[in-house]
Structures are given as C-alpha cells and as structure tokens.
Amino acid sequence: MEHLKTYNRIKHQATDIIIEGPVPASTLENYIFHHDLTTFRPSKKQFQALLGIAGLADGRIIIARTEDTIIGYVTYLYPDPLERWSTFQM
C-alpha cells in the first residue's frame, strides 16, 4: 500500500495557532518544542522521538504551533510488531 504524505495547513485567525502536517523532520528541526509537552517522556526526548517518526516513510506528524513553538501534536504510525493490536491487519 502506498501512503502519500499530503501536506495541509490551517491557520486559526483569532489565536494565530497553525495546524499543519504531515511535517517532515527537516521542518520540525526549525521549531521549538514546548517544555510542557511531557506526557510520554521529558520534552527534549519526546522531540527527538518525533523527529525519528517524521523521518519514517509511513510516519506522520501533525503539529499545532504558534509562530515557531510546537504546542501540540499527533503521530500516525503503524504499531510495533510486538504490540498485540498489530496483528489485526487494519
């Protein structure tokens, strides 16, 4: 299956929040990762993980940002083969 990375961008006029993606690692490197984004690991390590996912052929990163600061994100990635739910062939 071919997974195209079709870029989209939305700018919310009232708050100047930009939602865009999928964003390649080369673009992510130009942004600052907000220090409070620590749900999965410390923010610096989480940002490194996002850069890795963005570099994968099937990885997708959609970000919410204000100017040059990432304030939120979502990742789309196939599950690790060791994960139980990876066997459902979705």
N, C-alpha and C. Protein backbone atom coordinates (compact mmCIF):
# COMPACT_ATOMS: atom_id res chain seq x y z
N MET A 1 0.84 -1.17 0.00
CA MET A 1 0.00 0.00 0.00
C MET A 1 0.89 1.24 0.00
N GLU A 2 0.54 2.20 -0.83
CA GLU A 2 1.31 3.43 -0.90
C GLU A 2 0.65 4.48 -0.01
N HIS A 3 1.44 5.07 0.88
CA HIS A 3 0.93 6.08 1.81
C HIS A 3 1.53 7.42 1.43
N LEU A 4 0.71 8.25 0.79
CA LEU A 4 1.17 9.57 0.37
C LEU A 4 1.15 10.53 1.55
N LYS A 5 2.11 11.42 1.59
CA LYS A 5 2.16 12.45 2.62
C LYS A 5 1.67 13.74 1.97
N THR A 6 0.38 14.01 2.11
CA THR A 6 -0.23 15.20 1.54
C THR A 6 -0.29 16.28 2.61
N TYR A 7 0.48 17.33 2.41
CA TYR A 7 0.60 18.41 3.39
C TYR A 7 -0.65 19.27 3.41
N ASN A 8 -1.11 19.64 4.60
CA ASN A 8 -2.24 20.55 4.80
C ASN A 8 -1.86 21.56 5.88
N ARG A 9 -2.48 22.74 5.79
CA ARG A 9 -2.21 23.78 6.79
C ARG A 9 -3.48 24.58 7.04
N ILE A 10 -3.78 24.80 8.32
CA ILE A 10 -4.93 25.60 8.73
C ILE A 10 -4.43 26.63 9.73
N LYS A 11 -4.81 27.88 9.54
CA LYS A 11 -4.43 28.93 10.50
C LYS A 11 -5.69 29.48 11.14
N HIS A 12 -5.76 29.40 12.46
CA HIS A 12 -6.89 29.94 13.20
C HIS A 12 -6.65 31.43 13.39
N GLN A 13 -7.51 32.24 12.81
CA GLN A 13 -7.29 33.69 12.77
C GLN A 13 -7.29 34.35 14.15
N ALA A 14 -8.16 33.93 15.04
CA ALA A 14 -8.30 34.62 16.33
C ALA A 14 -7.12 34.37 17.26
N THR A 15 -6.46 33.22 17.17
CA THR A 15 -5.40 32.89 18.12
C THR A 15 -4.02 32.73 17.48
N ASP A 16 -3.94 32.80 16.19
CA ASP A 16 -2.68 32.60 15.47
C ASP A 16 -2.07 31.22 15.71
N ILE A 17 -2.92 30.22 15.90
CA ILE A 17 -2.45 28.84 16.00
C ILE A 17 -2.50 28.23 14.62
N ILE A 18 -1.42 27.60 14.23
CA ILE A 18 -1.32 26.94 12.93
C ILE A 18 -1.31 25.44 13.17
N ILE A 19 -2.16 24.73 12.45
CA ILE A 19 -2.17 23.27 12.48
C ILE A 19 -1.72 22.82 11.10
N GLU A 20 -0.67 22.01 11.05
CA GLU A 20 -0.12 21.62 9.76
C GLU A 20 0.50 20.24 9.82
N GLY A 21 0.59 19.64 8.66
CA GLY A 21 1.25 18.36 8.56
C GLY A 21 0.73 17.54 7.40
N PRO A 22 1.32 16.41 7.16
CA PRO A 22 2.45 15.86 7.90
C PRO A 22 3.69 16.73 7.70
N VAL A 23 4.42 16.90 8.78
CA VAL A 23 5.61 17.75 8.78
C VAL A 23 6.86 16.87 8.75
N PRO A 24 7.75 17.10 7.79
CA PRO A 24 8.99 16.30 7.74
C PRO A 24 9.95 16.69 8.86
N ALA A 25 10.87 15.81 9.17
CA ALA A 25 11.85 16.06 10.23
C ALA A 25 12.64 17.34 9.96
N SER A 26 12.96 17.61 8.69
CA SER A 26 13.74 18.80 8.35
C SER A 26 13.00 20.09 8.71
N THR A 27 11.67 20.09 8.67
CA THR A 27 10.88 21.25 9.07
C THR A 27 10.75 21.30 10.59
N LEU A 28 10.52 20.14 11.22
CA LEU A 28 10.39 20.10 12.68
C LEU A 28 11.63 20.65 13.37
N GLU A 29 12.79 20.40 12.80
CA GLU A 29 14.05 20.86 13.40
C GLU A 29 14.11 22.38 13.54
N ASN A 30 13.29 23.10 12.76
CA ASN A 30 13.29 24.56 12.80
C ASN A 30 12.40 25.13 13.89
N TYR A 31 11.67 24.27 14.60
CA TYR A 31 10.72 24.71 15.62
C TYR A 31 11.24 24.41 17.02
N ILE A 32 10.65 25.08 17.99
CA ILE A 32 10.92 24.84 19.41
C ILE A 32 9.81 23.96 19.94
N PHE A 33 10.16 22.95 20.70
CA PHE A 33 9.19 22.03 21.28
C PHE A 33 8.86 22.55 22.68
N HIS A 34 7.59 22.84 22.94
CA HIS A 34 7.20 23.43 24.22
C HIS A 34 7.62 22.53 25.38
N HIS A 35 8.18 23.12 26.41
CA HIS A 35 8.75 22.37 27.55
C HIS A 35 7.70 21.63 28.37
N ASP A 36 6.41 21.99 28.24
CA ASP A 36 5.35 21.30 29.00
C ASP A 36 4.81 20.06 28.29
N LEU A 37 5.29 19.75 27.11
CA LEU A 37 4.84 18.55 26.39
C LEU A 37 5.63 17.34 26.91
N THR A 38 5.19 16.81 28.04
CA THR A 38 5.95 15.76 28.75
C THR A 38 5.12 14.51 29.05
N THR A 39 4.06 14.26 28.32
CA THR A 39 3.18 13.13 28.63
C THR A 39 3.89 11.78 28.54
N PHE A 40 4.71 11.58 27.52
CA PHE A 40 5.34 10.28 27.31
C PHE A 40 6.77 10.19 27.85
N ARG A 41 7.46 11.31 27.85
CA ARG A 41 8.84 11.38 28.33
C ARG A 41 9.23 12.85 28.43
N PRO A 42 10.39 13.17 28.98
CA PRO A 42 10.80 14.58 29.03
C PRO A 42 10.74 15.22 27.63
N SER A 43 10.41 16.49 27.58
CA SER A 43 10.14 17.15 26.31
C SER A 43 11.28 17.03 25.29
N LYS A 44 12.52 17.13 25.72
CA LYS A 44 13.64 17.02 24.77
C LYS A 44 13.70 15.63 24.14
N LYS A 45 13.47 14.61 24.96
CA LYS A 45 13.49 13.24 24.43
C LYS A 45 12.26 12.97 23.56
N GLN A 46 11.13 13.55 23.92
CA GLN A 46 9.93 13.38 23.10
C GLN A 46 10.12 14.03 21.74
N PHE A 47 10.74 15.19 21.72
CA PHE A 47 11.00 15.87 20.45
C PHE A 47 11.92 15.02 19.57
N GLN A 48 12.92 14.40 20.15
CA GLN A 48 13.80 13.51 19.39
C GLN A 48 13.02 12.32 18.82
N ALA A 49 12.09 11.80 19.61
CA ALA A 49 11.25 10.70 19.12
C ALA A 49 10.39 11.15 17.95
N LEU A 50 9.84 12.36 18.02
CA LEU A 50 9.04 12.88 16.91
C LEU A 50 9.87 13.04 15.64
N LEU A 51 11.09 13.50 15.80
CA LEU A 51 11.97 13.64 14.64
C LEU A 51 12.20 12.28 13.98
N GLY A 52 12.37 11.26 14.81
CA GLY A 52 12.55 9.91 14.27
C GLY A 52 11.32 9.40 13.53
N ILE A 53 10.15 9.63 14.09
CA ILE A 53 8.90 9.20 13.45
C ILE A 53 8.69 9.95 12.15
N ALA A 54 8.97 11.24 12.15
CA ALA A 54 8.78 12.06 10.94
C ALA A 54 9.68 11.59 9.81
N GLY A 55 10.81 11.00 10.14
CA GLY A 55 11.73 10.52 9.13
C GLY A 55 11.36 9.18 8.52
N LEU A 56 10.40 8.48 9.10
CA LEU A 56 9.96 7.18 8.58
C LEU A 56 9.04 7.36 7.38
N ALA A 57 9.11 6.45 6.43
CA ALA A 57 8.26 6.53 5.24
C ALA A 57 6.78 6.49 5.59
N ASP A 58 6.41 5.72 6.61
CA ASP A 58 4.99 5.61 6.98
C ASP A 58 4.63 6.44 8.21
N GLY A 59 5.55 7.23 8.73
CA GLY A 59 5.29 8.06 9.90
C GLY A 59 4.69 9.40 9.51
N ARG A 60 3.75 9.87 10.29
CA ARG A 60 3.11 11.16 10.05
C ARG A 60 3.07 11.94 11.37
N ILE A 61 3.47 13.20 11.32
CA ILE A 61 3.39 14.09 12.46
C ILE A 61 2.56 15.30 12.05
N ILE A 62 1.47 15.54 12.77
CA ILE A 62 0.65 16.73 12.58
C ILE A 62 0.89 17.59 13.82
N ILE A 63 1.23 18.87 13.62
CA ILE A 63 1.55 19.73 14.76
C ILE A 63 0.59 20.91 14.86
N ALA A 64 0.45 21.41 16.07
CA ALA A 64 -0.19 22.70 16.34
C ALA A 64 0.92 23.59 16.86
N ARG A 65 1.03 24.80 16.30
CA ARG A 65 2.12 25.68 16.72
C ARG A 65 1.67 27.13 16.73
N THR A 66 2.39 27.90 17.50
CA THR A 66 2.27 29.36 17.49
C THR A 66 3.64 29.87 17.07
N GLU A 67 3.69 30.57 15.96
CA GLU A 67 4.94 31.03 15.37
C GLU A 67 5.91 29.86 15.24
N ASP A 68 6.94 29.77 16.10
CA ASP A 68 7.92 28.70 15.96
C ASP A 68 7.91 27.71 17.12
N THR A 69 6.85 27.71 17.95
CA THR A 69 6.78 26.81 19.10
C THR A 69 5.68 25.77 18.90
N ILE A 70 6.06 24.50 18.96
CA ILE A 70 5.10 23.40 18.87
C ILE A 70 4.38 23.31 20.21
N ILE A 71 3.03 23.43 20.16
CA ILE A 71 2.25 23.40 21.40
C ILE A 71 1.38 22.14 21.49
N GLY A 72 1.38 21.34 20.46
CA GLY A 72 0.62 20.09 20.46
C GLY A 72 0.96 19.29 19.21
N TYR A 73 0.68 18.00 19.25
CA TYR A 73 0.99 17.17 18.09
C TYR A 73 0.21 15.87 18.16
N VAL A 74 0.12 15.21 17.03
CA VAL A 74 -0.43 13.86 16.96
C VAL A 74 0.47 13.09 15.99
N THR A 75 0.70 11.82 16.32
CA THR A 75 1.52 10.98 15.45
C THR A 75 0.65 9.87 14.87
N TYR A 76 0.94 9.51 13.64
CA TYR A 76 0.32 8.36 12.99
C TYR A 76 1.45 7.44 12.56
N LEU A 77 1.39 6.22 13.05
CA LEU A 77 2.46 5.27 12.80
C LEU A 77 1.91 3.86 12.96
N TYR A 78 2.40 2.94 12.15
CA TYR A 78 1.99 1.56 12.32
C TYR A 78 2.46 1.05 13.68
N PRO A 79 1.70 0.15 14.28
CA PRO A 79 2.11 -0.36 15.59
C PRO A 79 3.37 -1.22 15.49
N ASP A 80 4.11 -1.26 16.56
CA ASP A 80 5.27 -2.13 16.65
C ASP A 80 4.79 -3.58 16.52
N PRO A 81 5.48 -4.43 15.78
CA PRO A 81 5.06 -5.83 15.63
C PRO A 81 4.90 -6.57 16.96
N LEU A 82 5.54 -6.10 18.02
CA LEU A 82 5.41 -6.75 19.31
C LEU A 82 4.12 -6.37 20.03
N GLU A 83 3.44 -5.33 19.56
CA GLU A 83 2.18 -4.92 20.18
C GLU A 83 1.07 -5.89 19.78
N ARG A 84 0.23 -6.26 20.74
CA ARG A 84 -0.85 -7.21 20.48
C ARG A 84 -1.77 -6.74 19.37
N TRP A 85 -2.11 -5.48 19.33
CA TRP A 85 -3.06 -4.99 18.35
C TRP A 85 -2.48 -4.84 16.94
N SER A 86 -1.18 -5.12 16.77
CA SER A 86 -0.57 -5.05 15.44
C SER A 86 -0.99 -6.24 14.57
N THR A 87 -1.59 -7.26 15.16
CA THR A 87 -1.95 -8.46 14.41
C THR A 87 -3.33 -8.38 13.76
N PHE A 88 -4.04 -7.26 13.91
CA PHE A 88 -5.40 -7.17 13.39
C PHE A 88 -5.46 -6.83 11.90
N GLN A 89 -4.34 -6.57 11.26
CA GLN A 89 -4.28 -6.29 9.82
C GLN A 89 -5.24 -5.19 9.40
N MET A 90 -5.21 -4.08 10.12
CA MET A 90 -6.11 -2.97 9.80
C MET A 90 -5.63 -2.24 8.56
